[in-house]
Amino acid sequence: MSFLVVVTENVPPRLRGRMAIWLLEVRAGVYIGNVSRRTREMIWQQLSEGHEDGNVVMAWSSNHESGYEFQTLGPNRRLPVEFDGLHLVAFHPQESDDL
């Protein structure tokens, strides 16, 4: 069992309802819970199939060097990158309409 956090933005209401079956929604689009690896993988499959035009980040505690791991779905200015074995986040500046 490991602690899991899921944050969703602009996902369909049916997906938010499905997440509430397995996890506690502590804020709009923010879900937490203590789940097994198998349940986490099943939740990720549900998110992958149902996020449509929204975006999702899932983070969980692990024995990884940083103590956690995460993965993302959908368009976002923050993209996961790996640097010397550490998982970090690259932040892309917002595109300007002035060009």
PDB file of N, CA and C in Angstrom:
ATOM      1  N   MET A   1       0.850  -1.182   0.000  1.00  0.00           N
ATOM      2  CA  MET A   1       0.000   0.000   0.000  1.00  0.00           C
ATOM      3  C   MET A   1       0.895   1.245   0.000  1.00  0.00           C
ATOM      4  N   SER A   2       0.488   2.227  -0.773  1.00  0.00           N
ATOM      5  CA  SER A   2       1.218   3.488  -0.783  1.00  0.00           C
ATOM      6  C   SER A   2       0.231   4.646  -0.892  1.00  0.00           C
ATOM      7  N   PHE A   3       0.657   5.789  -0.369  1.00  0.00           N
ATOM      8  CA  PHE A   3      -0.176   6.979  -0.409  1.00  0.00           C
ATOM      9  C   PHE A   3      -0.208   7.503  -1.832  1.00  0.00           C
ATOM     10  N   LEU A   4      -1.389   7.868  -2.300  1.00  0.00           N
ATOM     11  CA  LEU A   4      -1.594   8.284  -3.676  1.00  0.00           C
ATOM     12  C   LEU A   4      -2.304   9.629  -3.713  1.00  0.00           C
ATOM     13  N   VAL A   5      -1.856  10.506  -4.616  1.00  0.00           N
ATOM     14  CA  VAL A   5      -2.516  11.788  -4.851  1.00  0.00           C
ATOM     15  C   VAL A   5      -2.786  11.894  -6.345  1.00  0.00           C
ATOM     16  N   VAL A   6      -4.010  12.259  -6.706  1.00  0.00           N
ATOM     17  CA  VAL A   6      -4.381  12.491  -8.096  1.00  0.00           C
ATOM     18  C   VAL A   6      -4.956  13.895  -8.182  1.00  0.00           C
ATOM     19  N   VAL A   7      -4.458  14.676  -9.146  1.00  0.00           N
ATOM     20  CA  VAL A   7      -4.992  16.015  -9.394  1.00  0.00           C
ATOM     21  C   VAL A   7      -5.480  16.054 -10.831  1.00  0.00           C
ATOM     22  N   THR A   8      -6.739  16.446 -11.014  1.00  0.00           N
ATOM     23  CA  THR A   8      -7.329  16.515 -12.346  1.00  0.00           C
ATOM     24  C   THR A   8      -7.752  17.947 -12.652  1.00  0.00           C
ATOM     25  N   GLU A   9      -7.671  18.306 -13.933  1.00  0.00           N
ATOM     26  CA  GLU A   9      -8.158  19.601 -14.409  1.00  0.00           C
ATOM     27  C   GLU A   9      -8.938  19.378 -15.690  1.00  0.00           C
ATOM     28  N   ASN A  10     -10.114  19.947 -15.777  1.00  0.00           N
ATOM     29  CA  ASN A  10     -10.934  19.913 -16.994  1.00  0.00           C
ATOM     30  C   ASN A  10     -11.237  18.504 -17.494  1.00  0.00           C
ATOM     31  N   VAL A  11     -11.471  17.586 -16.573  1.00  0.00           N
ATOM     32  CA  VAL A  11     -11.864  16.231 -16.965  1.00  0.00           C
ATOM     33  C   VAL A  11     -13.389  16.122 -16.869  1.00  0.00           C
ATOM     34  N   PRO A  12     -13.978  15.169 -17.580  1.00  0.00           N
ATOM     35  CA  PRO A  12     -15.431  15.017 -17.541  1.00  0.00           C
ATOM     36  C   PRO A  12     -15.940  14.668 -16.134  1.00  0.00           C
ATOM     37  N   PRO A  13     -17.140  15.127 -15.796  1.00  0.00           N
ATOM     38  CA  PRO A  13     -17.715  14.826 -14.474  1.00  0.00           C
ATOM     39  C   PRO A  13     -17.796  13.323 -14.186  1.00  0.00           C
ATOM     40  N   ARG A  14     -18.044  12.508 -15.208  1.00  0.00           N
ATOM     41  CA  ARG A  14     -18.136  11.060 -14.971  1.00  0.00           C
ATOM     42  C   ARG A  14     -16.806  10.486 -14.484  1.00  0.00           C
ATOM     43  N   LEU A  15     -15.677  11.051 -14.955  1.00  0.00           N
ATOM     44  CA  LEU A  15     -14.372  10.586 -14.490  1.00  0.00           C
ATOM     45  C   LEU A  15     -14.141  11.024 -13.050  1.00  0.00           C
ATOM     46  N   ARG A  16     -14.550  12.236 -12.704  1.00  0.00           N
ATOM     47  CA  ARG A  16     -14.426  12.706 -11.321  1.00  0.00           C
ATOM     48  C   ARG A  16     -15.244  11.821 -10.386  1.00  0.00           C
ATOM     49  N   GLY A  17     -16.435  11.423 -10.833  1.00  0.00           N
ATOM     50  CA  GLY A  17     -17.257  10.524 -10.030  1.00  0.00           C
ATOM     51  C   GLY A  17     -16.613   9.162  -9.860  1.00  0.00           C
ATOM     52  N   ARG A  18     -15.989   8.680 -10.924  1.00  0.00           N
ATOM     53  CA  ARG A  18     -15.316   7.381 -10.856  1.00  0.00           C
ATOM     54  C   ARG A  18     -14.128   7.428  -9.886  1.00  0.00           C
ATOM     55  N   MET A  19     -13.378   8.534  -9.871  1.00  0.00           N
ATOM     56  CA  MET A  19     -12.246   8.660  -8.948  1.00  0.00           C
ATOM     57  C   MET A  19     -12.729   8.657  -7.498  1.00  0.00           C
ATOM     58  N   ALA A  20     -13.907   9.230  -7.270  1.00  0.00           N
ATOM     59  CA  ALA A  20     -14.459   9.299  -5.913  1.00  0.00           C
ATOM     60  C   ALA A  20     -14.857   7.922  -5.379  1.00  0.00           C
ATOM     61  N   ILE A  21     -14.945   6.917  -6.251  1.00  0.00           N
ATOM     62  CA  ILE A  21     -15.229   5.557  -5.791  1.00  0.00           C
ATOM     63  C   ILE A  21     -14.057   5.005  -4.991  1.00  0.00           C
ATOM     64  N   TRP A  22     -12.825   5.281  -5.455  1.00  0.00           N
ATOM     65  CA  TRP A  22     -11.631   4.691  -4.834  1.00  0.00           C
ATOM     66  C   TRP A  22     -10.856   5.647  -3.934  1.00  0.00           C
ATOM     67  N   LEU A  23     -11.026   6.950  -4.160  1.00  0.00           N
ATOM     68  CA  LEU A  23     -10.224   7.941  -3.442  1.00  0.00           C
ATOM     69  C   LEU A  23     -11.127   9.005  -2.823  1.00  0.00           C
ATOM     70  N   LEU A  24     -10.600   9.729  -1.852  1.00  0.00           N
ATOM     71  CA  LEU A  24     -11.328  10.813  -1.195  1.00  0.00           C
ATOM     72  C   LEU A  24     -11.030  12.121  -1.917  1.00  0.00           C
ATOM     73  N   GLU A  25     -12.072  12.830  -2.356  1.00  0.00           N
ATOM     74  CA  GLU A  25     -11.884  14.120  -3.030  1.00  0.00           C
ATOM     75  C   GLU A  25     -11.835  15.212  -1.956  1.00  0.00           C
ATOM     76  N   VAL A  26     -10.631  15.714  -1.659  1.00  0.00           N
ATOM     77  CA  VAL A  26     -10.448  16.687  -0.582  1.00  0.00           C
ATOM     78  C   VAL A  26     -10.635  18.131  -1.054  1.00  0.00           C
ATOM     79  N   ARG A  27     -10.485  18.374  -2.325  1.00  0.00           N
ATOM     80  CA  ARG A  27     -10.775  19.649  -2.992  1.00  0.00           C
ATOM     81  C   ARG A  27     -11.257  19.287  -4.393  1.00  0.00           C
ATOM     82  N   ALA A  28     -11.834  20.230  -5.080  1.00  0.00           N
ATOM     83  CA  ALA A  28     -12.309  19.947  -6.437  1.00  0.00           C
ATOM     84  C   ALA A  28     -11.152  19.452  -7.298  1.00  0.00           C
ATOM     85  N   GLY A  29     -11.258  18.212  -7.759  1.00  0.00           N
ATOM     86  CA  GLY A  29     -10.245  17.642  -8.635  1.00  0.00           C
ATOM     87  C   GLY A  29      -9.005  17.109  -7.942  1.00  0.00           C
ATOM     88  N   VAL A  30      -8.968  17.118  -6.610  1.00  0.00           N
ATOM     89  CA  VAL A  30      -7.806  16.612  -5.855  1.00  0.00           C
ATOM     90  C   VAL A  30      -8.258  15.405  -5.036  1.00  0.00           C
ATOM     91  N   TYR A  31      -7.648  14.254  -5.313  1.00  0.00           N
ATOM     92  CA  TYR A  31      -8.041  12.989  -4.681  1.00  0.00           C
ATOM     93  C   TYR A  31      -6.849  12.390  -3.943  1.00  0.00           C
ATOM     94  N   ILE A  32      -7.116  11.798  -2.787  1.00  0.00           N
ATOM     95  CA  ILE A  32      -6.062  11.144  -2.016  1.00  0.00           C
ATOM     96  C   ILE A  32      -6.548   9.778  -1.546  1.00  0.00           C
ATOM     97  N   GLY A  33      -5.597   8.909  -1.255  1.00  0.00           N
ATOM     98  CA  GLY A  33      -5.942   7.595  -0.728  1.00  0.00           C
ATOM     99  C   GLY A  33      -4.704   6.758  -0.499  1.00  0.00           C
ATOM    100  N   ASN A  34      -4.903   5.640   0.154  1.00  0.00           N
ATOM    101  CA  ASN A  34      -3.845   4.675   0.418  1.00  0.00           C
ATOM    102  C   ASN A  34      -4.241   3.408  -0.337  1.00  0.00           C
ATOM    103  N   VAL A  35      -3.554   3.103  -1.427  1.00  0.00           N
ATOM    104  CA  VAL A  35      -3.986   2.023  -2.312  1.00  0.00           C
ATOM    105  C   VAL A  35      -2.825   1.080  -2.647  1.00  0.00           C
ATOM    106  N   SER A  36      -3.183  -0.092  -3.114  1.00  0.00           N
ATOM    107  CA  SER A  36      -2.182  -1.059  -3.561  1.00  0.00           C
ATOM    108  C   SER A  36      -1.687  -0.681  -4.958  1.00  0.00           C
ATOM    109  N   ARG A  37      -0.602  -1.297  -5.372  1.00  0.00           N
ATOM    110  CA  ARG A  37      -0.067  -1.055  -6.712  1.00  0.00           C
ATOM    111  C   ARG A  37      -1.099  -1.433  -7.773  1.00  0.00           C
ATOM    112  N   ARG A  38      -1.763  -2.544  -7.574  1.00  0.00           N
ATOM    113  CA  ARG A  38      -2.764  -3.007  -8.541  1.00  0.00           C
ATOM    114  C   ARG A  38      -3.908  -1.993  -8.669  1.00  0.00           C
ATOM    115  N   THR A  39      -4.383  -1.471  -7.563  1.00  0.00           N
ATOM    116  CA  THR A  39      -5.447  -0.467  -7.598  1.00  0.00           C
ATOM    117  C   THR A  39      -4.954   0.807  -8.258  1.00  0.00           C
ATOM    118  N   ARG A  40      -3.730   1.226  -7.945  1.00  0.00           N
ATOM    119  CA  ARG A  40      -3.151   2.424  -8.570  1.00  0.00           C
ATOM    120  C   ARG A  40      -3.089   2.260 -10.086  1.00  0.00           C
ATOM    121  N   GLU A  41      -2.663   1.106 -10.561  1.00  0.00           N
ATOM    122  CA  GLU A  41      -2.582   0.862 -12.001  1.00  0.00           C
ATOM    123  C   GLU A  41      -3.970   0.857 -12.646  1.00  0.00           C
ATOM    124  N   MET A  42      -4.964   0.326 -11.956  1.00  0.00           N
ATOM    125  CA  MET A  42      -6.329   0.322 -12.460  1.00  0.00           C
ATOM    126  C   MET A  42      -6.869   1.757 -12.534  1.00  0.00           C
ATOM    127  N   ILE A  43      -6.579   2.573 -11.513  1.00  0.00           N
ATOM    128  CA  ILE A  43      -7.000   3.970 -11.508  1.00  0.00           C
ATOM    129  C   ILE A  43      -6.337   4.703 -12.673  1.00  0.00           C
ATOM    130  N   TRP A  44      -5.041   4.447 -12.912  1.00  0.00           N
ATOM    131  CA  TRP A  44      -4.343   5.088 -14.021  1.00  0.00           C
ATOM    132  C   TRP A  44      -4.980   4.713 -15.363  1.00  0.00           C
ATOM    133  N   GLN A  45      -5.380   3.476 -15.511  1.00  0.00           N
ATOM    134  CA  GLN A  45      -6.035   3.044 -16.737  1.00  0.00           C
ATOM    135  C   GLN A  45      -7.353   3.804 -16.933  1.00  0.00           C
ATOM    136  N   GLN A  46      -8.121   3.955 -15.859  1.00  0.00           N
ATOM    137  CA  GLN A  46      -9.378   4.711 -15.926  1.00  0.00           C
ATOM    138  C   GLN A  46      -9.113   6.168 -16.316  1.00  0.00           C
ATOM    139  N   LEU A  47      -8.080   6.763 -15.734  1.00  0.00           N
ATOM    140  CA  LEU A  47      -7.725   8.143 -16.054  1.00  0.00           C
ATOM    141  C   LEU A  47      -7.282   8.262 -17.511  1.00  0.00           C
ATOM    142  N   SER A  48      -6.468   7.325 -17.968  1.00  0.00           N
ATOM    143  CA  SER A  48      -5.963   7.348 -19.342  1.00  0.00           C
ATOM    144  C   SER A  48      -7.093   7.274 -20.353  1.00  0.00           C
ATOM    145  N   GLU A  49      -8.077   6.459 -20.066  1.00  0.00           N
ATOM    146  CA  GLU A  49      -9.189   6.265 -20.993  1.00  0.00           C
ATOM    147  C   GLU A  49     -10.214   7.392 -20.935  1.00  0.00           C
ATOM    148  N   GLY A  50     -10.294   8.112 -19.814  1.00  0.00           N
ATOM    149  CA  GLY A  50     -11.386   9.061 -19.645  1.00  0.00           C
ATOM    150  C   GLY A  50     -11.036  10.524 -19.511  1.00  0.00           C
ATOM    151  N   HIS A  51      -9.762  10.905 -19.603  1.00  0.00           N
ATOM    152  CA  HIS A  51      -9.410  12.309 -19.333  1.00  0.00           C
ATOM    153  C   HIS A  51      -9.772  13.273 -20.452  1.00  0.00           C
ATOM    154  N   GLU A  52     -10.049  12.757 -21.657  1.00  0.00           N
ATOM    155  CA  GLU A  52     -10.442  13.560 -22.816  1.00  0.00           C
ATOM    156  C   GLU A  52      -9.495  14.735 -23.014  1.00  0.00           C
ATOM    157  N   ASP A  53      -9.987  15.990 -22.976  1.00  0.00           N
ATOM    158  CA  ASP A  53      -9.133  17.164 -23.209  1.00  0.00           C
ATOM    159  C   ASP A  53      -8.509  17.709 -21.930  1.00  0.00           C
ATOM    160  N   GLY A  54      -8.778  17.073 -20.791  1.00  0.00           N
ATOM    161  CA  GLY A  54      -8.242  17.543 -19.517  1.00  0.00           C
ATOM    162  C   GLY A  54      -6.821  17.062 -19.299  1.00  0.00           C
ATOM    163  N   ASN A  55      -6.302  17.344 -18.110  1.00  0.00           N
ATOM    164  CA  ASN A  55      -4.975  16.848 -17.759  1.00  0.00           C
ATOM    165  C   ASN A  55      -4.991  16.294 -16.345  1.00  0.00           C
ATOM    166  N   VAL A  56      -4.036  15.412 -16.088  1.00  0.00           N
ATOM    167  CA  VAL A  56      -4.000  14.656 -14.833  1.00  0.00           C
ATOM    168  C   VAL A  56      -2.551  14.490 -14.395  1.00  0.00           C
ATOM    169  N   VAL A  57      -2.332  14.563 -13.102  1.00  0.00           N
ATOM    170  CA  VAL A  57      -1.054  14.140 -12.529  1.00  0.00           C
ATOM    171  C   VAL A  57      -1.373  13.172 -11.392  1.00  0.00           C
ATOM    172  N   MET A  58      -0.619  12.093 -11.347  1.00  0.00           N
ATOM    173  CA  MET A  58      -0.752  11.103 -10.279  1.00  0.00           C
ATOM    174  C   MET A  58       0.613  10.960  -9.612  1.00  0.00           C
ATOM    175  N   ALA A  59       0.651  11.097  -8.288  1.00  0.00           N
ATOM    176  CA  ALA A  59       1.899  10.951  -7.531  1.00  0.00           C
ATOM    177  C   ALA A  59       1.664   9.970  -6.394  1.00  0.00           C
ATOM    178  N   TRP A  60       2.678   9.153  -6.102  1.00  0.00           N
ATOM    179  CA  TRP A  60       2.545   8.167  -5.036  1.00  0.00           C
ATOM    180  C   TRP A  60       3.887   7.976  -4.340  1.00  0.00           C
ATOM    181  N   SER A  61       3.817   7.549  -3.081  1.00  0.00           N
ATOM    182  CA  SER A  61       5.033   7.282  -2.319  1.00  0.00           C
ATOM    183  C   SER A  61       5.664   5.986  -2.830  1.00  0.00           C
ATOM    184  N   SER A  62       6.996   5.952  -2.809  1.00  0.00           N
ATOM    185  CA  SER A  62       7.706   4.767  -3.294  1.00  0.00           C
ATOM    186  C   SER A  62       9.084   4.692  -2.646  1.00  0.00           C
ATOM    187  N   ASN A  63       9.796   3.626  -2.964  1.00  0.00           N
ATOM    188  CA  ASN A  63      11.168   3.454  -2.462  1.00  0.00           C
ATOM    189  C   ASN A  63      12.185   4.123  -3.376  1.00  0.00           C
ATOM    190  N   HIS A  64      11.720   4.891  -4.324  1.00  0.00           N
ATOM    191  CA  HIS A  64      12.578   5.638  -5.237  1.00  0.00           C
ATOM    192  C   HIS A  64      13.448   6.596  -4.433  1.00  0.00           C
ATOM    193  N   GLU A  65      14.552   7.036  -5.011  1.00  0.00           N
ATOM    194  CA  GLU A  65      15.490   7.907  -4.295  1.00  0.00           C
ATOM    195  C   GLU A  65      14.816   9.158  -3.723  1.00  0.00           C
ATOM    196  N   SER A  66      13.856   9.714  -4.449  1.00  0.00           N
ATOM    197  CA  SER A  66      13.176  10.920  -3.975  1.00  0.00           C
ATOM    198  C   SER A  66      12.058  10.608  -2.973  1.00  0.00           C
ATOM    199  N   GLY A  67      11.660   9.340  -2.877  1.00  0.00           N
ATOM    200  CA  GLY A  67      10.581   8.958  -1.967  1.00  0.00           C
ATOM    201  C   GLY A  67       9.209   8.980  -2.610  1.00  0.00           C
ATOM    202  N   TYR A  68       9.148   9.360  -3.870  1.00  0.00           N
ATOM    203  CA  TYR A  68       7.882   9.398  -4.588  1.00  0.00           C
ATOM    204  C   TYR A  68       8.144   9.199  -6.081  1.00  0.00           C
ATOM    205  N   GLU A  69       7.067   8.908  -6.796  1.00  0.00           N
ATOM    206  CA  GLU A  69       7.090   8.850  -8.249  1.00  0.00           C
ATOM    207  C   GLU A  69       5.829   9.527  -8.745  1.00  0.00           C
ATOM    208  N   PHE A  70       5.811   9.938 -10.014  1.00  0.00           N
ATOM    209  CA  PHE A  70       4.616  10.551 -10.571  1.00  0.00           C
ATOM    210  C   PHE A  70       4.578  10.351 -12.069  1.00  0.00           C
ATOM    211  N   GLN A  71       3.381  10.509 -12.623  1.00  0.00           N
ATOM    212  CA  GLN A  71       3.193  10.470 -14.069  1.00  0.00           C
ATOM    213  C   GLN A  71       2.057  11.420 -14.422  1.00  0.00           C
ATOM    214  N   THR A  72       2.031  11.844 -15.697  1.00  0.00           N
ATOM    215  CA  THR A  72       1.048  12.832 -16.122  1.00  0.00           C
ATOM    216  C   THR A  72       0.336  12.395 -17.397  1.00  0.00           C
ATOM    217  N   LEU A  73      -0.795  13.018 -17.630  1.00  0.00           N
ATOM    218  CA  LEU A  73      -1.585  12.824 -18.847  1.00  0.00           C
ATOM    219  C   LEU A  73      -2.077  14.175 -19.320  1.00  0.00           C
ATOM    220  N   GLY A  74      -2.179  14.357 -20.619  1.00  0.00           N
ATOM    221  CA  GLY A  74      -2.801  15.545 -21.183  1.00  0.00           C
ATOM    222  C   GLY A  74      -1.870  16.733 -21.283  1.00  0.00           C
ATOM    223  N   PRO A  75      -2.347  17.775 -21.972  1.00  0.00           N
ATOM    224  CA  PRO A  75      -1.531  18.979 -22.188  1.00  0.00           C
ATOM    225  C   PRO A  75      -1.350  19.778 -20.902  1.00  0.00           C
ATOM    226  N   ASN A  76      -0.128  20.240 -20.686  1.00  0.00           N
ATOM    227  CA  ASN A  76       0.181  21.037 -19.505  1.00  0.00           C
ATOM    228  C   ASN A  76       1.510  21.735 -19.742  1.00  0.00           C
ATOM    229  N   ARG A  77       1.712  22.887 -19.125  1.00  0.00           N
ATOM    230  CA  ARG A  77       2.988  23.605 -19.246  1.00  0.00           C
ATOM    231  C   ARG A  77       4.082  22.952 -18.413  1.00  0.00           C
ATOM    232  N   ARG A  78       3.704  22.075 -17.512  1.00  0.00           N
ATOM    233  CA  ARG A  78       4.689  21.377 -16.685  1.00  0.00           C
ATOM    234  C   ARG A  78       4.845  19.957 -17.223  1.00  0.00           C
ATOM    235  N   LEU A  79       6.069  19.623 -17.616  1.00  0.00           N
ATOM    236  CA  LEU A  79       6.325  18.311 -18.194  1.00  0.00           C
ATOM    237  C   LEU A  79       7.369  17.569 -17.384  1.00  0.00           C
ATOM    238  N   PRO A  80       7.148  16.280 -17.112  1.00  0.00           N
ATOM    239  CA  PRO A  80       8.134  15.503 -16.354  1.00  0.00           C
ATOM    240  C   PRO A  80       9.404  15.260 -17.178  1.00  0.00           C
ATOM    241  N   VAL A  81      10.540  15.382 -16.507  1.00  0.00           N
ATOM    242  CA  VAL A  81      11.838  15.086 -17.121  1.00  0.00           C
ATOM    243  C   VAL A  81      12.659  14.280 -16.132  1.00  0.00           C
ATOM    244  N   GLU A  82      13.604  13.511 -16.645  1.00  0.00           N
ATOM    245  CA  GLU A  82      14.501  12.752 -15.773  1.00  0.00           C
ATOM    246  C   GLU A  82      15.887  13.360 -15.884  1.00  0.00           C
ATOM    247  N   PHE A  83      16.514  13.627 -14.744  1.00  0.00           N
ATOM    248  CA  PHE A  83      17.838  14.224 -14.701  1.00  0.00           C
ATOM    249  C   PHE A  83      18.673  13.455 -13.684  1.00  0.00           C
ATOM    250  N   ASP A  84      19.685  12.746 -14.147  1.00  0.00           N
ATOM    251  CA  ASP A  84      20.554  11.935 -13.282  1.00  0.00           C
ATOM    252  C   ASP A  84      19.755  11.000 -12.377  1.00  0.00           C
ATOM    253  N   GLY A  85      18.712  10.402 -12.919  1.00  0.00           N
ATOM    254  CA  GLY A  85      17.902   9.451 -12.166  1.00  0.00           C
ATOM    255  C   GLY A  85      16.814  10.069 -11.312  1.00  0.00           C
ATOM    256  N   LEU A  86      16.782  11.394 -11.226  1.00  0.00           N
ATOM    257  CA  LEU A  86      15.733  12.075 -10.461  1.00  0.00           C
ATOM    258  C   LEU A  86      14.631  12.526 -11.411  1.00  0.00           C
ATOM    259  N   HIS A  87      13.408  12.389 -10.972  1.00  0.00           N
ATOM    260  CA  HIS A  87      12.278  12.857 -11.755  1.00  0.00           C
ATOM    261  C   HIS A  87      11.952  14.283 -11.335  1.00  0.00           C
ATOM    262  N   LEU A  88      12.061  15.188 -12.302  1.00  0.00           N
ATOM    263  CA  LEU A  88      11.820  16.603 -12.053  1.00  0.00           C
ATOM    264  C   LEU A  88      10.731  17.101 -12.995  1.00  0.00           C
ATOM    265  N   VAL A  89      10.396  18.385 -12.889  1.00  0.00           N
ATOM    266  CA  VAL A  89       9.374  18.972 -13.741  1.00  0.00           C
ATOM    267  C   VAL A  89       9.972  20.166 -14.475  1.00  0.00           C
ATOM    268  N   ALA A  90       9.857  20.154 -15.811  1.00  0.00           N
ATOM    269  CA  ALA A  90      10.269  21.297 -16.626  1.00  0.00           C
ATOM    270  C   ALA A  90       9.060  22.204 -16.800  1.00  0.00           C
ATOM    271  N   PHE A  91       9.272  23.490 -16.666  1.00  0.00           N
ATOM    272  CA  PHE A  91       8.191  24.465 -16.776  1.00  0.00           C
ATOM    273  C   PHE A  91       8.389  25.253 -18.053  1.00  0.00           C
ATOM    274  N   HIS A  92       7.455  25.114 -18.984  1.00  0.00           N
ATOM    275  CA  HIS A  92       7.550  25.831 -20.253  1.00  0.00           C
ATOM    276  C   HIS A  92       6.817  27.167 -20.141  1.00  0.00           C
ATOM    277  N   PRO A  93       7.461  28.250 -20.574  1.00  0.00           N
ATOM    278  CA  PRO A  93       6.791  29.557 -20.494  1.00  0.00           C
ATOM    279  C   PRO A  93       5.552  29.593 -21.378  1.00  0.00           C
ATOM    280  N   GLN A  94       4.612  30.427 -20.980  1.00  0.00           N
ATOM    281  CA  GLN A  94       3.361  30.555 -21.722  1.00  0.00           C
ATOM    282  C   GLN A  94       3.647  31.247 -23.047  1.00  0.00           C
ATOM    283  N   GLU A  95       3.029  30.740 -24.119  1.00  0.00           N
ATOM    284  CA  GLU A  95       3.221  31.349 -25.428  1.00  0.00           C
ATOM    285  C   GLU A  95       2.517  32.686 -25.481  1.00  0.00           C
ATOM    286  N   SER A  96       3.181  33.668 -26.080  1.00  0.00           N
ATOM    287  CA  SER A  96       2.632  35.022 -26.162  1.00  0.00           C
ATOM    288  C   SER A  96       1.909  35.207 -27.490  1.00  0.00           C
ATOM    289  N   ASP A  97       0.822  35.953 -27.468  1.00  0.00           N
ATOM    290  CA  ASP A  97       0.078  36.262 -28.691  1.00  0.00           C
ATOM    291  C   ASP A  97       0.676  37.459 -29.424  1.00  0.00           C
ATOM    292  N   ASP A  98       1.698  38.118 -28.855  1.00  0.00           N
ATOM    293  CA  ASP A  98       2.301  39.322 -29.436  1.00  0.00           C
ATOM    294  C   ASP A  98       3.205  39.006 -30.609  1.00  0.00           C
ATOM    295  N   LEU A  99       3.545  37.763 -30.849  1.00  0.00           N
ATOM    296  CA  LEU A  99       4.499  37.422 -31.905  1.00  0.00           C
ATOM    297  C   LEU A  99       3.892  37.441 -33.272  1.00  0.00           C
TER     298      LEU A  99
END
